Amino acid sequence: MHPLLRYNEIAPQADQLKKLIKLYYVHQSQEAALEERISYFPNYTTTLNIYQNSKITWGPLSRTHEWQPNAPWLKLLVCKLDRSREIIMRGPFNKLTIVFYPLGINHFLNQALSELAADHFSFFDHFG
């Protein structure tokens, strides 16, 4: 990992959450010249990614985040079932991620996940 990145994994503490949530992690950098590329591959976890001060640009197999001061909080749900993708981080960023075990997020929803997640990457404001 790039020396200017901070990454901290946090395991759920409550027994009830340990069955549903694999981990939380905080990923951040204050480096203006940073360009970090993260590839991930098909699997059955679902992640909720929450970005502070981020502008997003979509590509067919990727998304790019760039620092944008005073941007609204950006909440993305990522279901990684069909193919590998890439995340490109440019400039400073602050990201909190919740990694759910398969079907784990369903325990926090009052409707089917398929009704809330239209695509591989979906804006997700279900929790407000």
Protein backbone atom coordinates (compact mmCIF):
# COMPACT_ATOMS: atom_id res chain seq x y z
CA MET A 1 0.00 0.00 0.00
CA HIS A 2 1.16 3.54 -0.73
CA PRO A 3 2.98 5.04 2.30
CA LEU A 4 0.74 8.13 2.30
CA LEU A 5 -2.45 6.09 2.68
CA ARG A 6 -4.02 5.26 6.01
CA TYR A 7 -6.02 2.07 6.25
CA ASN A 8 -7.57 0.71 9.42
CA GLU A 9 -9.72 -2.42 9.69
CA ILE A 10 -12.18 -2.71 12.55
CA ALA A 11 -13.95 -5.97 13.39
CA PRO A 12 -17.51 -5.84 14.70
CA GLN A 13 -17.64 -6.29 18.46
CA ALA A 14 -21.27 -7.30 19.04
CA ASP A 15 -21.95 -11.02 18.56
CA GLN A 16 -25.12 -10.27 16.59
CA LEU A 17 -23.18 -8.07 14.12
CA LYS A 18 -20.29 -10.54 13.76
CA LYS A 19 -22.67 -12.86 11.87
CA LEU A 20 -23.72 -10.16 9.40
CA ILE A 21 -20.73 -7.81 9.00
CA LYS A 22 -17.27 -9.05 8.05
CA LEU A 23 -15.49 -5.79 8.88
CA TYR A 24 -15.48 -2.03 8.77
CA TYR A 25 -12.55 -0.11 7.41
CA VAL A 26 -11.42 3.47 7.18
CA HIS A 27 -9.28 4.34 4.15
CA GLN A 28 -7.92 7.85 3.72
CA SER A 29 -5.19 10.08 2.38
CA GLN A 30 -4.46 13.80 2.49
CA GLU A 31 -1.97 13.65 -0.41
CA ALA A 32 -2.99 16.02 -3.23
CA ALA A 33 -0.89 14.22 -5.88
CA LEU A 34 -2.11 10.72 -5.01
CA GLU A 35 -3.49 8.35 -7.63
CA GLU A 36 -4.36 4.99 -6.10
CA ARG A 37 -5.89 2.15 -8.11
CA ILE A 38 -7.71 -0.65 -6.34
CA SER A 39 -8.89 -3.73 -8.24
CA TYR A 40 -11.39 -6.14 -6.81
CA PHE A 41 -12.77 -9.38 -8.09
CA PRO A 42 -16.12 -11.18 -8.08
CA ASN A 43 -17.19 -12.40 -4.67
CA TYR A 44 -20.33 -12.58 -2.59
CA THR A 45 -19.78 -9.75 -0.14
CA THR A 46 -21.70 -6.51 -0.44
CA THR A 47 -20.06 -3.26 0.58
CA LEU A 48 -21.47 0.08 1.60
CA ASN A 49 -18.88 2.77 0.82
CA ILE A 50 -19.30 6.23 2.31
CA TYR A 51 -17.12 9.03 0.90
CA GLN A 52 -16.60 12.53 2.23
CA ASN A 53 -15.87 15.36 -0.23
CA SER A 54 -15.75 13.15 -3.30
CA LYS A 55 -16.84 13.66 -6.90
CA ILE A 56 -17.41 10.45 -8.85
CA THR A 57 -16.99 9.65 -12.54
CA TRP A 58 -18.29 6.31 -13.85
CA GLY A 59 -16.57 4.13 -16.42
CA PRO A 60 -17.84 0.80 -17.81
CA LEU A 61 -15.67 -1.24 -15.41
CA SER A 62 -14.45 1.41 -13.01
CA ARG A 63 -15.25 4.48 -11.02
CA THR A 64 -12.99 7.42 -10.29
CA HIS A 65 -13.16 9.51 -7.13
CA GLU A 66 -11.66 12.98 -7.01
CA TRP A 67 -11.51 15.40 -4.10
CA GLN A 68 -14.29 17.99 -4.18
CA PRO A 69 -14.53 20.16 -1.07
CA ASN A 70 -18.02 20.58 0.37
CA ALA A 71 -19.49 17.83 -1.80
CA PRO A 72 -22.39 16.00 -0.14
CA TRP A 73 -21.65 12.66 1.47
CA LEU A 74 -21.56 10.01 -1.24
CA LYS A 75 -22.96 6.58 -0.33
CA LEU A 76 -22.45 3.70 -2.75
CA LEU A 77 -23.58 0.13 -2.50
CA VAL A 78 -21.36 -2.30 -4.38
CA CYS A 79 -22.47 -5.83 -5.22
CA LYS A 80 -19.51 -7.72 -6.66
CA LEU A 81 -21.01 -10.72 -8.36
CA ASP A 82 -20.15 -10.72 -12.03
CA ARG A 83 -16.68 -9.35 -12.94
CA SER A 84 -13.63 -7.52 -11.69
CA ARG A 85 -13.72 -3.73 -11.40
CA GLU A 86 -11.37 -0.91 -10.50
CA ILE A 87 -11.61 2.06 -8.17
CA ILE A 88 -9.37 5.03 -8.94
CA MET A 89 -8.74 7.51 -6.14
CA ARG A 90 -7.25 10.88 -7.15
CA GLY A 91 -6.12 13.36 -4.55
CA PRO A 92 -7.19 13.39 -0.90
CA PHE A 93 -10.04 11.16 0.18
CA ASN A 94 -11.88 9.91 3.26
CA LYS A 95 -13.77 6.65 2.96
CA LEU A 96 -15.62 4.44 5.42
CA THR A 97 -16.62 0.96 4.23
CA ILE A 98 -18.87 -1.66 5.75
CA VAL A 99 -18.29 -5.15 4.31
CA PHE A 100 -21.35 -7.39 4.73
CA TYR A 101 -21.25 -11.17 4.58
CA PRO A 102 -23.51 -12.74 1.93
CA LEU A 103 -27.10 -11.69 2.65
CA GLY A 104 -25.90 -9.77 5.74
CA ILE A 105 -27.18 -6.40 4.54
CA ASN A 106 -30.65 -7.90 4.08
CA HIS A 107 -31.07 -7.95 7.88
CA PHE A 108 -30.93 -4.13 7.88
CA LEU A 109 -33.40 -3.57 5.02
CA ASN A 110 -37.19 -3.43 4.95
CA GLN A 111 -37.40 -4.30 1.25
CA ALA A 112 -35.55 -6.51 -1.22
CA LEU A 113 -31.97 -5.51 -1.99
CA SER A 114 -32.75 -5.87 -5.71
CA GLU A 115 -35.22 -2.97 -5.37
CA LEU A 116 -32.52 -0.73 -3.87
CA ALA A 117 -29.48 -1.69 -5.94
CA ALA A 118 -30.09 -1.17 -9.63
CA ASP A 119 -26.58 -2.04 -10.81
CA HIS A 120 -23.13 -3.17 -9.71
CA PHE A 121 -22.49 0.34 -8.29
CA SER A 122 -25.60 2.01 -6.91
CA PHE A 123 -26.11 5.26 -5.08
CA PHE A 124 -27.59 4.16 -1.79
CA ASP A 125 -29.43 6.44 0.59
CA HIS A 126 -31.69 3.85 2.20
CA PHE A 127 -30.44 4.66 5.70
CA GLY A 128 -30.61 8.44 5.19
